Amino acid sequence: MPYHTIEKAVSGDVNALNRVLKYYEDYIIRLSAGTLYDENGEQYYHVNEELRRRLETKLIIAILTFELR
């Protein structure tokens, strides 16, 4: 992630903020995913959308309150 993108995101640039979110999208999905089993014992991959949104929101808040030096 280029420094100037982070700098713009911290200053509130929506496009830069979206680029940062896109950069971390796979990581956030992995953190919010898990294996579930149905009534037949078959396992499947599930992304907890509520958790995914909460992680994205935490990242946005962290970016917007981050102080560059």
C-alpha atoms as a PDB file:
ATOM      1  CA  MET A   1       0.000   0.000   0.000  1.00  0.00           C
ATOM      2  CA  PRO A   2       1.601   3.285  -1.092  1.00  0.00           C
ATOM      3  CA  TYR A   3       2.133   5.886   1.612  1.00  0.00           C
ATOM      4  CA  HIS A   4       0.293   8.586  -0.351  1.00  0.00           C
ATOM      5  CA  THR A   5      -2.839   6.403  -0.454  1.00  0.00           C
ATOM      6  CA  ILE A   6      -2.761   6.042   3.326  1.00  0.00           C
ATOM      7  CA  GLU A   7      -2.128   9.761   3.684  1.00  0.00           C
ATOM      8  CA  LYS A   8      -5.164  10.570   1.538  1.00  0.00           C
ATOM      9  CA  ALA A   9      -7.336   8.040   3.372  1.00  0.00           C
ATOM     10  CA  VAL A  10      -6.373   9.538   6.740  1.00  0.00           C
ATOM     11  CA  SER A  11      -7.341  12.972   5.442  1.00  0.00           C
ATOM     12  CA  GLY A  12     -10.792  11.633   4.484  1.00  0.00           C
ATOM     13  CA  ASP A  13     -10.466  10.943   0.756  1.00  0.00           C
ATOM     14  CA  VAL A  14     -13.260   8.453   0.042  1.00  0.00           C
ATOM     15  CA  ASN A  15     -11.528   6.874  -2.971  1.00  0.00           C
ATOM     16  CA  ALA A  16      -8.339   6.297  -0.991  1.00  0.00           C
ATOM     17  CA  LEU A  17     -10.337   4.894   1.914  1.00  0.00           C
ATOM     18  CA  ASN A  18     -12.028   2.452  -0.457  1.00  0.00           C
ATOM     19  CA  ARG A  19      -8.618   1.395  -1.814  1.00  0.00           C
ATOM     20  CA  VAL A  20      -7.433   0.634   1.721  1.00  0.00           C
ATOM     21  CA  LEU A  21     -10.603  -1.370   2.400  1.00  0.00           C
ATOM     22  CA  LYS A  22     -10.111  -3.266  -0.856  1.00  0.00           C
ATOM     23  CA  TYR A  23      -6.488  -3.960   0.087  1.00  0.00           C
ATOM     24  CA  TYR A  24      -7.579  -5.574   3.370  1.00  0.00           C
ATOM     25  CA  GLU A  25     -10.750  -7.204   2.021  1.00  0.00           C
ATOM     26  CA  ASP A  26      -9.373 -10.768   1.799  1.00  0.00           C
ATOM     27  CA  TYR A  27      -7.856 -10.548   5.272  1.00  0.00           C
ATOM     28  CA  ILE A  28     -11.129  -9.277   6.759  1.00  0.00           C
ATOM     29  CA  ILE A  29     -13.063 -12.073   5.051  1.00  0.00           C
ATOM     30  CA  ARG A  30     -10.660 -14.676   6.451  1.00  0.00           C
ATOM     31  CA  LEU A  31     -11.083 -13.231   9.945  1.00  0.00           C
ATOM     32  CA  SER A  32     -14.873 -13.305   9.691  1.00  0.00           C
ATOM     33  CA  ALA A  33     -15.210 -16.741   8.098  1.00  0.00           C
ATOM     34  CA  GLY A  34     -15.550 -20.188   9.481  1.00  0.00           C
ATOM     35  CA  THR A  35     -16.681 -23.701   8.757  1.00  0.00           C
ATOM     36  CA  LEU A  36     -20.251 -24.662   9.584  1.00  0.00           C
ATOM     37  CA  TYR A  37     -21.978 -28.028   9.421  1.00  0.00           C
ATOM     38  CA  ASP A  38     -25.515 -28.722   8.253  1.00  0.00           C
ATOM     39  CA  GLU A  39     -27.900 -31.322   9.651  1.00  0.00           C
ATOM     40  CA  ASN A  40     -26.319 -34.018   7.435  1.00  0.00           C
ATOM     41  CA  GLY A  41     -22.829 -33.335   8.723  1.00  0.00           C
ATOM     42  CA  GLU A  42     -21.733 -31.640   5.496  1.00  0.00           C
ATOM     43  CA  GLN A  43     -19.346 -28.791   6.102  1.00  0.00           C
ATOM     44  CA  TYR A  44     -19.371 -25.505   4.277  1.00  0.00           C
ATOM     45  CA  TYR A  45     -17.528 -22.211   4.360  1.00  0.00           C
ATOM     46  CA  HIS A  46     -19.489 -19.298   5.800  1.00  0.00           C
ATOM     47  CA  VAL A  47     -18.666 -15.588   6.065  1.00  0.00           C
ATOM     48  CA  ASN A  48     -20.321 -13.890   9.035  1.00  0.00           C
ATOM     49  CA  GLU A  49     -21.444 -10.678   7.307  1.00  0.00           C
ATOM     50  CA  GLU A  50     -22.153  -8.852  10.563  1.00  0.00           C
ATOM     51  CA  LEU A  51     -18.624  -9.533  11.802  1.00  0.00           C
ATOM     52  CA  ARG A  52     -17.176  -8.561   8.417  1.00  0.00           C
ATOM     53  CA  ARG A  53     -18.983  -5.198   8.528  1.00  0.00           C
ATOM     54  CA  ARG A  54     -17.864  -4.613  12.127  1.00  0.00           C
ATOM     55  CA  LEU A  55     -14.234  -5.246  11.157  1.00  0.00           C
ATOM     56  CA  GLU A  56     -14.542  -2.897   8.169  1.00  0.00           C
ATOM     57  CA  THR A  57     -16.051  -0.227  10.421  1.00  0.00           C
ATOM     58  CA  LYS A  58     -13.232  -0.611  12.954  1.00  0.00           C
ATOM     59  CA  LEU A  59     -10.691  -0.231  10.142  1.00  0.00           C
ATOM     60  CA  ILE A  60     -12.413   2.913   8.843  1.00  0.00           C
ATOM     61  CA  ILE A  61     -12.473   4.453  12.332  1.00  0.00           C
ATOM     62  CA  ALA A  62      -8.806   3.556  12.859  1.00  0.00           C
ATOM     63  CA  ILE A  63      -7.851   5.171   9.546  1.00  0.00           C
ATOM     64  CA  LEU A  64      -9.815   8.359  10.147  1.00  0.00           C
ATOM     65  CA  THR A  65      -8.420   8.815  13.667  1.00  0.00           C
ATOM     66  CA  PHE A  66      -4.830   7.892  12.763  1.00  0.00           C
ATOM     67  CA  GLU A  67      -2.253  10.665  13.180  1.00  0.00           C
ATOM     68  CA  LEU A  68       0.499  10.842  10.594  1.00  0.00           C
ATOM     69  CA  ARG A  69       3.793  12.297  11.738  1.00  0.00           C
END
